Protein backbone atom coordinates (compact mmCIF):
# COMPACT_ATOMS: atom_id res chain seq x y z
CA MET A 1 143.30 149.23 73.71
CA ARG A 2 145.50 151.78 75.39
CA ASP A 3 149.26 151.52 75.94
CA GLY A 4 149.25 147.85 74.93
CA LEU A 5 146.50 146.99 77.41
CA ILE A 6 142.99 145.90 76.56
CA SER A 7 139.93 147.15 78.35
CA ARG A 8 137.87 144.96 80.64
CA GLN A 9 135.08 144.95 78.05
CA GLU A 10 137.49 143.83 75.29
CA LEU A 11 138.83 141.10 77.57
CA GLU A 12 135.31 139.87 78.42
CA THR A 13 134.37 139.86 74.73
CA CYS A 14 137.53 137.91 73.87
CA LEU A 15 136.90 135.36 76.64
CA SER A 16 133.27 134.99 75.57
CA VAL A 17 134.30 134.29 71.96
CA MET A 18 136.96 131.79 73.10
CA SER A 19 134.45 130.01 75.32
CA GLU A 20 131.94 129.80 72.46
CA GLN A 21 134.60 128.45 70.09
CA HIS A 22 135.65 125.84 72.67
CA GLN A 23 132.02 124.75 73.09
CA ASN A 24 131.58 124.52 69.31
CA ILE A 25 134.73 122.38 69.01
CA GLU A 26 133.52 120.04 71.76
CA GLU A 27 130.09 119.75 70.10
CA PHE A 28 131.69 118.97 66.73
CA GLU A 29 134.05 116.42 68.27
CA ASN A 30 131.12 114.72 70.03
CA LYS A 31 129.15 114.65 66.77
CA VAL A 32 132.06 113.05 64.90
CA LEU A 33 132.69 110.55 67.70
CA SER A 34 129.02 109.56 67.70
CA LEU A 35 129.00 109.09 63.91
CA VAL A 36 132.20 107.03 63.98
CA THR A 37 131.07 104.90 66.92
CA ASN A 38 127.73 104.12 65.25
CA PHE A 39 129.46 103.30 61.97
CA ASP A 40 131.90 100.93 63.69
CA LYS A 41 129.12 99.24 65.67
CA ASN A 42 126.97 98.69 62.57
CA TRP A 43 129.71 98.08 60.02
CA LYS A 44 128.70 95.23 57.70
CA GLY A 45 132.30 94.32 56.85
CA LYS A 46 133.03 93.54 60.50
CA GLU A 47 132.02 89.89 60.06
CA GLN A 48 134.36 89.54 57.09
CA THR A 49 137.28 90.88 59.13
CA GLU A 50 136.46 88.57 62.02
CA MET A 51 136.39 85.57 59.66
CA PHE A 52 139.90 86.43 58.45
CA PRO A 53 141.65 87.85 61.53
CA LYS A 54 145.15 87.64 60.05
CA LYS A 55 144.56 89.72 56.93
CA GLN A 56 147.71 91.06 55.32
CA PHE A 57 147.12 94.77 55.84
CA GLU A 58 145.33 94.69 59.15
CA GLY A 59 146.20 97.53 61.47
CA CYS A 60 144.59 100.57 63.01
CA VAL A 61 142.19 103.08 61.50
CA TYR A 62 142.22 106.47 63.20
CA VAL A 63 140.18 109.66 63.02
CA LEU A 64 141.78 113.06 63.62
CA LEU A 65 140.07 116.34 64.42
CA LEU A 66 141.81 119.08 62.44
CA ALA A 67 141.70 122.86 62.54
CA ASP A 68 138.56 124.57 61.20
CA PHE A 69 136.34 121.58 61.97
CA LYS A 70 137.94 119.27 59.39
CA ILE A 71 138.36 115.49 59.75
CA TYR A 72 141.08 113.13 58.57
CA VAL A 73 140.74 109.32 58.50
CA GLY A 74 143.88 107.21 58.18
CA PHE A 75 145.20 103.68 58.34
CA THR A 76 148.50 102.40 59.72
CA THR A 77 150.20 99.36 61.16
CA GLN A 78 152.33 101.60 63.42
CA ILE A 79 149.85 103.88 65.15
CA GLU A 80 152.17 105.69 67.58
CA ASN A 81 154.66 106.68 64.88
CA ARG A 82 151.94 107.68 62.43
CA ILE A 83 150.12 109.93 64.90
CA LYS A 84 153.40 111.58 65.94
CA ASN A 85 154.24 112.21 62.28
CA HIS A 86 150.83 113.77 61.61
CA PHE A 87 151.19 116.15 64.54
CA ASN A 88 154.90 116.96 64.09
CA ASN A 89 155.31 116.83 60.30
CA PRO A 90 152.06 116.86 58.30
CA THR A 91 152.68 115.50 54.81
CA THR A 92 149.50 116.07 52.78
CA SER A 93 148.41 119.52 51.67
CA PHE A 94 145.14 119.07 53.57
CA LEU A 95 146.93 118.30 56.83
CA LYS A 96 149.32 121.20 56.30
CA LYS A 97 146.41 123.57 55.75
CA TYR A 98 144.28 122.17 58.61
CA LEU A 99 146.70 121.08 61.32
CA PRO A 100 145.77 118.10 63.51
CA LYS A 101 144.35 119.06 66.91
CA LYS A 102 143.21 115.81 68.49
CA VAL A 103 142.78 112.06 67.95
CA VAL A 104 139.02 111.43 67.99
CA SER A 105 139.06 107.64 67.77
CA LEU A 106 141.19 104.56 67.13
CA HIS A 107 139.90 101.31 65.63
CA GLN A 108 142.25 98.37 66.15
CA ASN A 109 142.21 95.23 63.96
CA ARG A 110 140.82 97.02 60.94
CA ASP A 111 141.97 97.20 57.34
CA LYS A 112 142.13 99.68 54.48
CA PHE A 113 138.64 98.67 53.40
CA PHE A 114 137.30 99.87 56.77
CA GLU A 115 139.26 103.12 56.35
CA SER A 116 137.74 103.68 52.92
CA GLU A 117 134.19 102.87 54.01
CA LEU A 118 134.45 105.06 57.13
CA THR A 119 135.81 107.93 55.04
CA LYS A 120 132.93 107.60 52.55
CA PHE A 121 130.43 107.50 55.41
CA LEU A 122 131.85 110.67 56.98
CA LEU A 123 131.96 112.38 53.57
CA THR A 124 128.22 111.80 53.19
CA LYS A 125 127.46 112.97 56.75
CA LEU A 126 129.80 115.98 57.05
CA GLY A 127 130.41 117.02 53.46
CA PRO A 128 133.13 116.57 50.85
CA ASN A 129 135.06 119.68 51.86
CA GLU A 130 135.26 118.62 55.51
CA VAL A 131 136.74 115.11 55.33
CA ARG A 132 139.83 113.50 53.86
CA GLY A 133 141.16 109.95 54.09
CA GLY A 134 141.47 106.72 52.15
CA GLY A 135 141.14 107.47 48.44
CA TRP A 136 140.18 111.04 49.30
CA SER A 137 143.43 112.05 51.05
CA GLN A 138 144.76 114.59 48.58
CA SER A 139 142.66 117.77 48.51
CA ASN A 140 144.10 118.77 45.13
CA LYS A 141 142.78 115.49 43.66
CA TYR A 142 139.26 115.97 44.99
CA ASP A 143 136.60 115.88 42.31
CA ALA A 144 133.19 117.21 43.35
CA ASN A 145 131.51 114.76 40.98
CA ARG A 146 133.30 111.67 42.37
CA GLN A 147 130.91 109.16 43.84
CA PHE A 148 131.28 108.05 47.44
């Protein structure tokens, strides 16, 4: 770098790294979306929810892609407000540390049981340090020996 300018080689290196990072993010997002879609399609509790369509806490389960390839699973009955709050004012320490980047998926007419089961599924597939949600929302409460 000279006089605040970067060389052509430095620029090409920077662009190459950015392109590679973008590709890695897209690959990770596609992997998560595939896992979530397959879980939803094969979810055994689906029949139970369909038998009782007016369950008390029925709402929307959502999956967020966070910084550094982290995932957050949440449940709400007011999806628009909840997503806005996550992006504008993260409340958990995990979301403050790994800011939300994108909504990966939304699952309407689901309950907190679905949220919990999806979170456990993603924990087993992606690892306990990569996923939060349901009973695993607070990173400072995470116990490596906790069963999921």
